[in-house]
Amino acid sequence: MYFYTKMKMTIRIGTFNLYQFVEPPYSWYTKKERFTPLQWIEKTTWIKEQITNMNCDIIGFQEVFSKLALKELVGDLGFKYFKTVDNARISKNNDKIYISTTVAIASKYPIKNLKKVDIDFLALKKHYYEGFFKFAREPIKATICLEDEKELDVYVCHLKSNRDNEFEYIFTENSSMDEKIEKVSKALKENYSVSLKQRLCEASSLYSNIKRTKRPAVLLTDLNDKEFSLTIDALTNRKYHEEKRKNDRFLLLDAYHLHEKKVYNPHPEFKGVKRTPTSYFAGKGNVLDYIFVSNKFDKKAKDNIAEVTSYEVLDKHLQKNQNGSLLNSDHAQVVCEIKFR
C-alpha cells in the first residue's frame, strides 16, 4: 500500500525595478532619451533572462512606461495574469514622450481583484502636508488566488524619490523611533524635504490599507529610502501611528530578517552577514528594494501560516557596474520564497 503525503505549497515572489521600460519609438521625459530598436532587443533579452533566473510566481515591477510591451514579455515567460491600475502619462507637447511611470504586477496565479490604494488623509495632517496630494506612482493592491483556496493580497509600490538637493537624515540600527521622529518632525514642519514628507504620507496610506485587509499581505517595493529609515516605521510599525502605544508592534516584517542566513567558510574575524545593496549612488551601496510580509509569515509567531525559506538579491550586473545600465537595470532584483504550513 502506498501513502501519498501532500506537499506543502511554496511560492516565490520578487520585485524588479526595470529602469526606464520604454519601447521605441517612445522616449522618457525628453525627446533624446529613448532606445534604438537594437538596444531595446538587448534590454528586453536581459530582462527575460533575469526573470527566468528569479524563477518567481509573482513579480512586482517598477518604472513601467510601456505596459503592453511588458504584458507581452511576461506572457511569453508563463505569467498568464498581468495588471496595472494606471497609465504612464504622455506629454501634451509631444505624443511620443512619456512624463510619468507606473507599477505593474505579473502572476502565474489568477488575480481575483485589483484596487488602487486609498489616501490616508489623517496621515497628511500628521506629516504637515498642505495642498493637493496624490501618490508619485499609484500603488497596486491585487488579491491573488493560490492553491487550496488560499488568497494573498499583494501590494506593489514605488515611493517618491528624494530630490538631489534635499536634506534627509540617515539613521542606523541603533536609532530609536523617538529619535527619528524628533529629528524628522523639524524637517517636516519647516519643509526641509518635500519628498520625504510625501514618502511618509504614501507609506502611511499603505499601512492604513494593509491594516484593514483580512488576508495575509506581501508588499513588493522600491522604497526609495534606506534601511532603518522612518519610512519603514511608517509602513510597518503600529507604534508609529498609535501615539499611546509604548512598544513596537509590527504589521509587516522585512522578509530579509525572516530567513536563515547561511555563511560558507567564514573568515576567523567574521562578525556577521552584511546585507547586499540593491542600488548604488556615488559609489555607496544602499538597500532600496524590499519585500515586506505579514507577521503571519514569521515562523516564530504562534499563529503563523507560512515561513520565509529563502531571500535572494540578484546583483551580478551591479557587481560589473555599480551604476547599472539602461540596457539592464540600476537596481538589483529581490526574491523571497514562502512555504505555507
Protein backbone atom coordinates (compact mmCIF):
# COMPACT_ATOMS: atom_id res chain seq x y z
CA MET A 1 0.00 0.00 0.00
CA TYR A 2 1.28 3.47 -0.90
CA PHE A 3 0.62 6.59 1.15
CA TYR A 4 0.86 9.95 -0.55
CA THR A 5 1.77 12.98 1.53
CA LYS A 6 0.53 16.27 0.19
CA MET A 7 3.42 18.65 -0.47
CA LYS A 8 3.41 21.97 1.31
CA MET A 9 2.76 24.84 -1.07
CA THR A 10 5.74 27.07 -1.88
CA ILE A 11 5.65 30.32 -3.83
CA ARG A 12 8.39 32.68 -4.95
CA ILE A 13 7.76 36.41 -5.10
CA GLY A 14 10.01 39.19 -6.37
CA THR A 15 10.39 42.90 -7.01
CA PHE A 16 12.01 44.29 -10.15
CA ASN A 17 12.75 47.93 -11.00
CA LEU A 18 13.02 47.79 -14.79
CA TYR A 19 14.81 51.16 -15.21
CA GLN A 20 13.06 53.13 -17.95
CA PHE A 21 10.99 50.39 -19.61
CA VAL A 22 10.09 52.43 -22.70
CA GLU A 23 9.50 50.73 -26.03
CA PRO A 24 10.80 52.69 -29.05
CA PRO A 25 9.93 54.98 -30.72
CA TYR A 26 8.77 56.48 -27.40
CA SER A 27 11.07 58.50 -25.13
CA TRP A 28 11.14 59.11 -21.40
CA TYR A 29 10.99 62.70 -20.12
CA THR A 30 12.99 64.25 -23.02
CA LYS A 31 12.98 63.53 -26.75
CA LYS A 32 16.58 62.30 -26.87
CA GLU A 33 16.10 59.73 -24.09
CA ARG A 34 14.99 56.65 -26.00
CA PHE A 35 16.21 53.22 -27.07
CA THR A 36 17.14 52.26 -30.58
CA PRO A 37 15.45 49.06 -31.83
CA LEU A 38 18.68 47.10 -31.27
CA GLN A 39 19.10 48.50 -27.75
CA TRP A 40 15.50 47.57 -26.96
CA ILE A 41 16.12 43.97 -28.07
CA GLU A 42 19.21 43.85 -25.84
CA LYS A 43 17.33 45.29 -22.85
CA THR A 44 14.29 43.03 -23.15
CA THR A 45 16.51 39.99 -23.70
CA TRP A 46 18.33 40.75 -20.46
CA ILE A 47 15.04 41.30 -18.62
CA LYS A 48 13.73 37.94 -19.82
CA GLU A 49 16.90 36.21 -18.67
CA GLN A 50 16.69 37.93 -15.30
CA ILE A 51 13.04 36.98 -14.80
CA THR A 52 13.93 33.39 -15.68
CA ASN A 53 16.70 33.46 -13.07
CA MET A 54 14.32 34.90 -10.48
CA ASN A 55 12.07 31.85 -11.01
CA CYS A 56 9.09 33.63 -9.45
CA ASP A 57 5.36 33.01 -9.34
CA ILE A 58 4.56 36.67 -8.66
CA ILE A 59 6.61 39.76 -9.55
CA GLY A 60 6.02 43.44 -8.83
CA PHE A 61 7.53 45.85 -11.37
CA GLN A 62 8.54 49.49 -11.10
CA GLU A 63 9.38 52.07 -13.80
CA VAL A 64 6.87 50.70 -16.28
CA PHE A 65 6.08 53.05 -19.16
CA SER A 66 5.19 50.63 -21.98
CA LYS A 67 2.80 48.31 -20.15
CA LEU A 68 1.55 46.41 -23.21
CA ALA A 69 5.13 45.53 -24.14
CA LEU A 70 5.73 44.27 -20.59
CA LYS A 71 2.49 42.28 -20.63
CA GLU A 72 3.63 40.50 -23.80
CA LEU A 73 7.14 39.94 -22.40
CA VAL A 74 5.99 38.28 -19.16
CA GLY A 75 3.27 36.38 -21.01
CA ASP A 76 6.00 34.68 -23.05
CA LEU A 77 7.53 33.54 -19.74
CA GLY A 78 4.38 31.91 -18.38
CA PHE A 79 2.79 34.76 -16.45
CA LYS A 80 -0.85 34.46 -17.53
CA TYR A 81 -2.03 37.33 -15.39
CA PHE A 82 -0.80 40.91 -15.67
CA LYS A 83 -2.30 44.10 -14.24
CA THR A 84 -1.71 47.82 -13.75
CA VAL A 85 -4.00 50.41 -12.18
CA ASP A 86 -2.65 53.43 -14.03
CA ASN A 87 -1.26 54.56 -17.37
CA ALA A 88 2.01 56.38 -17.87
CA ARG A 89 1.21 59.93 -18.93
CA ILE A 90 2.15 61.34 -22.32
CA SER A 91 3.48 64.89 -22.77
CA LYS A 92 0.92 67.39 -24.06
CA ASN A 93 3.62 68.85 -26.30
CA ASN A 94 4.84 65.59 -27.83
CA ASP A 95 2.80 62.39 -28.03
CA LYS A 96 5.98 60.28 -28.22
CA ILE A 97 7.32 61.35 -24.81
CA TYR A 98 6.29 59.77 -21.52
CA ILE A 99 6.38 62.06 -18.48
CA SER A 100 5.34 59.63 -15.74
CA THR A 101 5.77 55.98 -14.86
CA THR A 102 3.65 53.23 -13.29
CA VAL A 103 3.95 49.96 -11.40
CA ALA A 104 2.67 46.56 -12.54
CA ILE A 105 2.13 43.03 -11.26
CA ALA A 106 2.59 39.73 -13.09
CA SER A 107 1.36 36.43 -11.67
CA LYS A 108 1.17 32.78 -12.63
CA TYR A 109 -1.84 32.51 -10.32
CA PRO A 110 -5.22 34.17 -11.02
CA ILE A 111 -5.66 37.78 -9.92
CA LYS A 112 -9.10 37.82 -8.31
CA ASN A 113 -9.37 41.50 -7.55
CA LEU A 114 -7.42 44.68 -8.23
CA LYS A 115 -7.68 48.02 -6.45
CA LYS A 116 -5.92 51.32 -6.00
CA VAL A 117 -4.74 52.24 -2.51
CA ASP A 118 -6.74 54.99 -0.81
CA ILE A 119 -5.03 58.07 0.61
CA ASP A 120 -5.00 58.31 4.41
CA PHE A 121 -5.95 61.96 4.97
CA LEU A 122 -5.08 61.77 8.66
CA ALA A 123 -1.53 60.97 7.56
CA LEU A 124 -1.41 64.23 5.58
CA LYS A 125 -2.18 66.18 8.73
CA LYS A 126 0.29 64.15 10.80
CA HIS A 127 3.10 64.97 8.37
CA TYR A 128 2.17 68.64 7.84
CA TYR A 129 1.24 68.11 4.21
CA GLU A 130 -0.59 71.05 2.64
CA GLY A 131 -2.36 71.26 -0.69
CA PHE A 132 -3.44 68.57 -3.14
CA PHE A 133 -1.93 65.13 -2.58
CA LYS A 134 -1.51 62.17 -4.88
CA PHE A 135 0.87 59.21 -4.96
CA ALA A 136 4.00 59.75 -7.04
CA ARG A 137 3.10 56.38 -8.62
CA GLU A 138 -0.28 54.76 -7.94
CA PRO A 139 0.28 51.58 -5.87
CA ILE A 140 -1.41 48.29 -6.68
CA LYS A 141 -3.38 46.04 -4.36
CA ALA A 142 -4.02 42.67 -6.01
CA THR A 143 -5.80 39.72 -4.45
CA ILE A 144 -4.25 36.56 -5.83
CA CYS A 145 -5.83 33.11 -5.65
CA LEU A 146 -3.28 30.46 -4.76
CA GLU A 147 -3.78 26.70 -4.47
CA ASP A 148 -6.15 25.14 -1.90
CA GLU A 149 -8.34 28.27 -1.90
CA LYS A 150 -5.57 30.32 -0.31
CA GLU A 151 -5.74 34.05 -1.05
CA LEU A 152 -2.96 36.59 -0.74
CA ASP A 153 -3.06 40.38 -1.01
CA VAL A 154 -0.02 41.59 -2.91
CA TYR A 155 0.85 45.29 -2.92
CA VAL A 156 3.27 46.82 -5.41
CA CYS A 157 4.59 50.33 -4.93
CA HIS A 158 7.32 52.76 -5.92
CA LEU A 159 7.51 55.54 -3.35
CA LYS A 160 8.50 59.13 -4.00
CA SER A 161 12.22 59.51 -4.74
CA ASN A 162 14.42 62.00 -2.97
CA ARG A 163 15.40 65.14 -4.82
CA ASP A 164 19.15 65.54 -5.19
CA ASN A 165 19.21 68.86 -3.38
CA GLU A 166 17.05 67.90 -0.39
CA PHE A 167 18.46 67.10 3.01
CA GLU A 168 17.41 63.83 4.65
CA TYR A 169 18.67 62.16 7.81
CA ILE A 170 20.49 58.82 7.67
CA PHE A 171 19.72 56.54 10.61
CA THR A 172 21.28 53.31 11.86
CA GLU A 173 20.00 50.18 13.58
CA ASN A 174 20.78 51.91 16.90
CA SER A 175 18.50 54.86 16.14
CA SER A 176 15.31 54.74 18.21
CA MET A 177 11.97 55.64 16.69
CA ASP A 178 11.65 58.57 19.11
CA GLU A 179 14.99 59.92 17.92
CA LYS A 180 13.98 59.56 14.29
CA ILE A 181 10.61 61.22 14.85
CA GLU A 182 12.16 64.11 16.76
CA LYS A 183 14.69 64.87 14.02
CA VAL A 184 12.35 64.33 11.10
CA SER A 185 9.49 66.36 12.63
CA LYS A 186 11.58 69.52 12.39
CA ALA A 187 12.33 68.79 8.75
CA LEU A 188 8.64 68.20 8.05
CA LYS A 189 7.42 71.33 9.85
CA GLU A 190 9.96 73.55 8.13
CA ASN A 191 9.74 71.84 4.72
CA TYR A 192 13.39 70.78 4.56
CA SER A 193 12.36 67.81 2.43
CA VAL A 194 9.12 67.84 0.49
CA SER A 195 9.99 64.43 -0.95
CA LEU A 196 10.36 62.83 2.49
CA LYS A 197 7.06 64.37 3.56
CA GLN A 198 5.31 62.84 0.56
CA ARG A 199 7.03 59.48 1.03
CA LEU A 200 5.88 59.29 4.66
CA CYS A 201 2.31 60.10 3.59
CA GLU A 202 2.49 57.39 0.94
CA ALA A 203 3.90 54.84 3.39
CA SER A 204 1.26 55.71 5.99
CA SER A 205 -1.53 55.32 3.42
CA LEU A 206 -0.22 51.87 2.50
CA TYR A 207 -0.02 50.97 6.21
CA SER A 208 -3.66 52.01 6.73
CA ASN A 209 -4.83 49.95 3.78
CA ILE A 210 -2.85 46.85 4.77
CA LYS A 211 -4.08 47.17 8.35
CA ARG A 212 -7.67 46.86 7.11
CA THR A 213 -7.13 43.83 4.89
CA LYS A 214 -8.28 40.47 6.23
CA ARG A 215 -5.87 38.41 4.15
CA PRO A 216 -2.15 37.83 4.64
CA ALA A 217 -0.25 40.50 2.74
CA VAL A 218 3.00 40.98 0.87
CA LEU A 219 4.46 44.32 -0.21
CA LEU A 220 6.90 44.48 -3.15
CA THR A 221 8.57 47.85 -3.35
CA ASP A 222 11.25 50.20 -4.48
CA LEU A 223 11.04 52.18 -1.25
CA ASN A 224 13.37 54.97 -2.40
CA ASP A 225 14.55 55.10 1.20
CA LYS A 226 17.29 53.37 3.14
CA GLU A 227 17.35 50.63 5.73
CA PHE A 228 16.40 51.93 9.22
CA SER A 229 14.59 54.94 7.72
CA LEU A 230 11.49 56.40 9.33
CA THR A 231 9.63 55.49 6.12
CA ILE A 232 9.93 51.83 7.11
CA ASP A 233 8.49 52.60 10.56
CA ALA A 234 5.57 54.42 8.92
CA LEU A 235 4.99 51.43 6.67
CA THR A 236 5.31 48.63 9.21
CA ASN A 237 5.08 49.65 12.88
CA ARG A 238 1.83 50.25 14.73
CA LYS A 239 3.73 52.27 17.32
CA TYR A 240 4.44 54.97 14.75
CA HIS A 241 0.72 55.51 14.20
CA GLU A 242 -0.62 54.85 17.70
CA GLU A 243 0.86 57.50 19.98
CA LYS A 244 -0.24 55.81 23.19
CA ARG A 245 1.43 52.53 22.30
CA LYS A 246 4.69 52.06 24.26
CA ASN A 247 6.14 49.04 22.48
CA ASP A 248 6.79 48.15 18.88
CA ARG A 249 4.17 46.03 17.18
CA PHE A 250 4.78 45.27 13.55
CA LEU A 251 2.08 44.97 10.92
CA LEU A 252 4.69 43.95 8.34
CA LEU A 253 8.16 42.45 8.61
CA ASP A 254 11.16 42.78 6.32
CA ALA A 255 11.45 39.32 4.73
CA TYR A 256 15.24 39.64 4.82
CA HIS A 257 15.22 39.22 8.60
CA LEU A 258 12.98 36.14 8.48
CA HIS A 259 15.21 33.81 6.50
CA GLU A 260 18.16 31.81 7.78
CA LYS A 261 21.34 33.47 6.56
CA LYS A 262 23.94 30.91 5.51
CA VAL A 263 27.66 31.63 5.68
CA TYR A 264 30.13 29.37 3.93
CA ASN A 265 33.72 29.15 5.21
CA PRO A 266 33.63 32.35 7.27
CA HIS A 267 36.83 34.27 7.95
CA PRO A 268 38.11 33.92 11.57
CA GLU A 269 37.34 37.61 12.14
CA PHE A 270 33.86 37.33 10.61
CA LYS A 271 31.38 39.49 12.57
CA GLY A 272 28.15 38.87 10.71
CA VAL A 273 26.41 38.87 7.33
CA LYS A 274 26.45 42.21 5.55
CA ARG A 275 23.26 42.98 3.67
CA THR A 276 23.67 43.21 -0.09
CA PRO A 277 22.87 46.66 -1.54
CA THR A 278 20.20 46.86 -4.23
CA SER A 279 21.31 50.22 -5.62
CA TYR A 280 24.37 52.48 -5.62
CA PHE A 281 24.80 56.24 -5.56
CA ALA A 282 28.18 57.98 -5.73
CA GLY A 283 29.90 54.67 -5.02
CA LYS A 284 27.88 53.94 -1.87
CA GLY A 285 25.57 50.93 -1.74
CA ASN A 286 22.04 51.25 -0.37
CA VAL A 287 19.14 48.90 0.23
CA LEU A 288 16.18 50.50 -1.56
CA ASP A 289 14.26 47.44 -2.77
CA TYR A 290 12.32 45.37 -0.23
CA ILE A 291 9.83 42.59 0.27
CA PHE A 292 7.70 43.05 3.36
CA VAL A 293 5.36 40.31 4.59
CA SER A 294 2.61 39.92 7.20
CA ASN A 295 3.79 38.75 10.60
CA LYS A 296 1.86 35.54 9.90
CA PHE A 297 4.85 34.60 7.73
CA ASP A 298 7.16 34.67 10.74
CA LYS A 299 7.85 31.07 11.74
CA LYS A 300 8.31 32.23 15.35
CA ALA A 301 4.76 33.60 15.54
CA LYS A 302 2.25 31.32 17.26
CA ASP A 303 -0.39 31.82 14.58
CA ASN A 304 1.94 31.66 11.57
CA ILE A 305 0.59 30.23 8.33
CA ALA A 306 3.88 30.17 6.42
CA GLU A 307 7.57 30.93 6.67
CA VAL A 308 10.22 32.65 4.55
CA THR A 309 12.62 29.92 3.44
CA SER A 310 14.98 31.94 1.24
CA TYR A 311 15.87 35.51 0.32
CA GLU A 312 17.96 36.36 -2.72
CA VAL A 313 19.40 39.53 -4.25
CA LEU A 314 20.26 39.25 -7.95
CA ASP A 315 23.03 41.81 -8.40
CA LYS A 316 25.60 40.37 -10.83
CA HIS A 317 25.01 43.27 -13.23
CA LEU A 318 25.73 45.76 -10.43
CA GLN A 319 28.90 43.92 -9.49
CA LYS A 320 30.14 44.67 -13.01
CA ASN A 321 28.86 48.25 -13.00
CA GLN A 322 27.53 49.76 -9.77
CA ASN A 323 25.57 52.40 -11.69
CA GLY A 324 23.84 49.75 -13.73
CA SER A 325 23.00 50.29 -17.37
CA LEU A 326 19.96 51.41 -19.29
CA LEU A 327 20.33 48.11 -21.15
CA ASN A 328 19.65 46.21 -17.92
CA SER A 329 18.81 47.98 -14.63
CA ASP A 330 20.33 50.23 -11.98
CA HIS A 331 18.66 48.14 -9.25
CA ALA A 332 19.19 44.59 -8.06
CA GLN A 333 16.18 42.29 -8.08
CA VAL A 334 14.95 40.82 -4.79
CA VAL A 335 13.27 37.41 -4.45
CA CYS A 336 11.94 35.55 -1.44
CA GLU A 337 10.46 32.08 -1.13
CA ILE A 338 7.50 31.40 1.12
CA LYS A 339 6.43 27.94 2.25
CA PHE A 340 2.92 27.52 3.62
CA ARG A 341 2.08 25.22 6.51
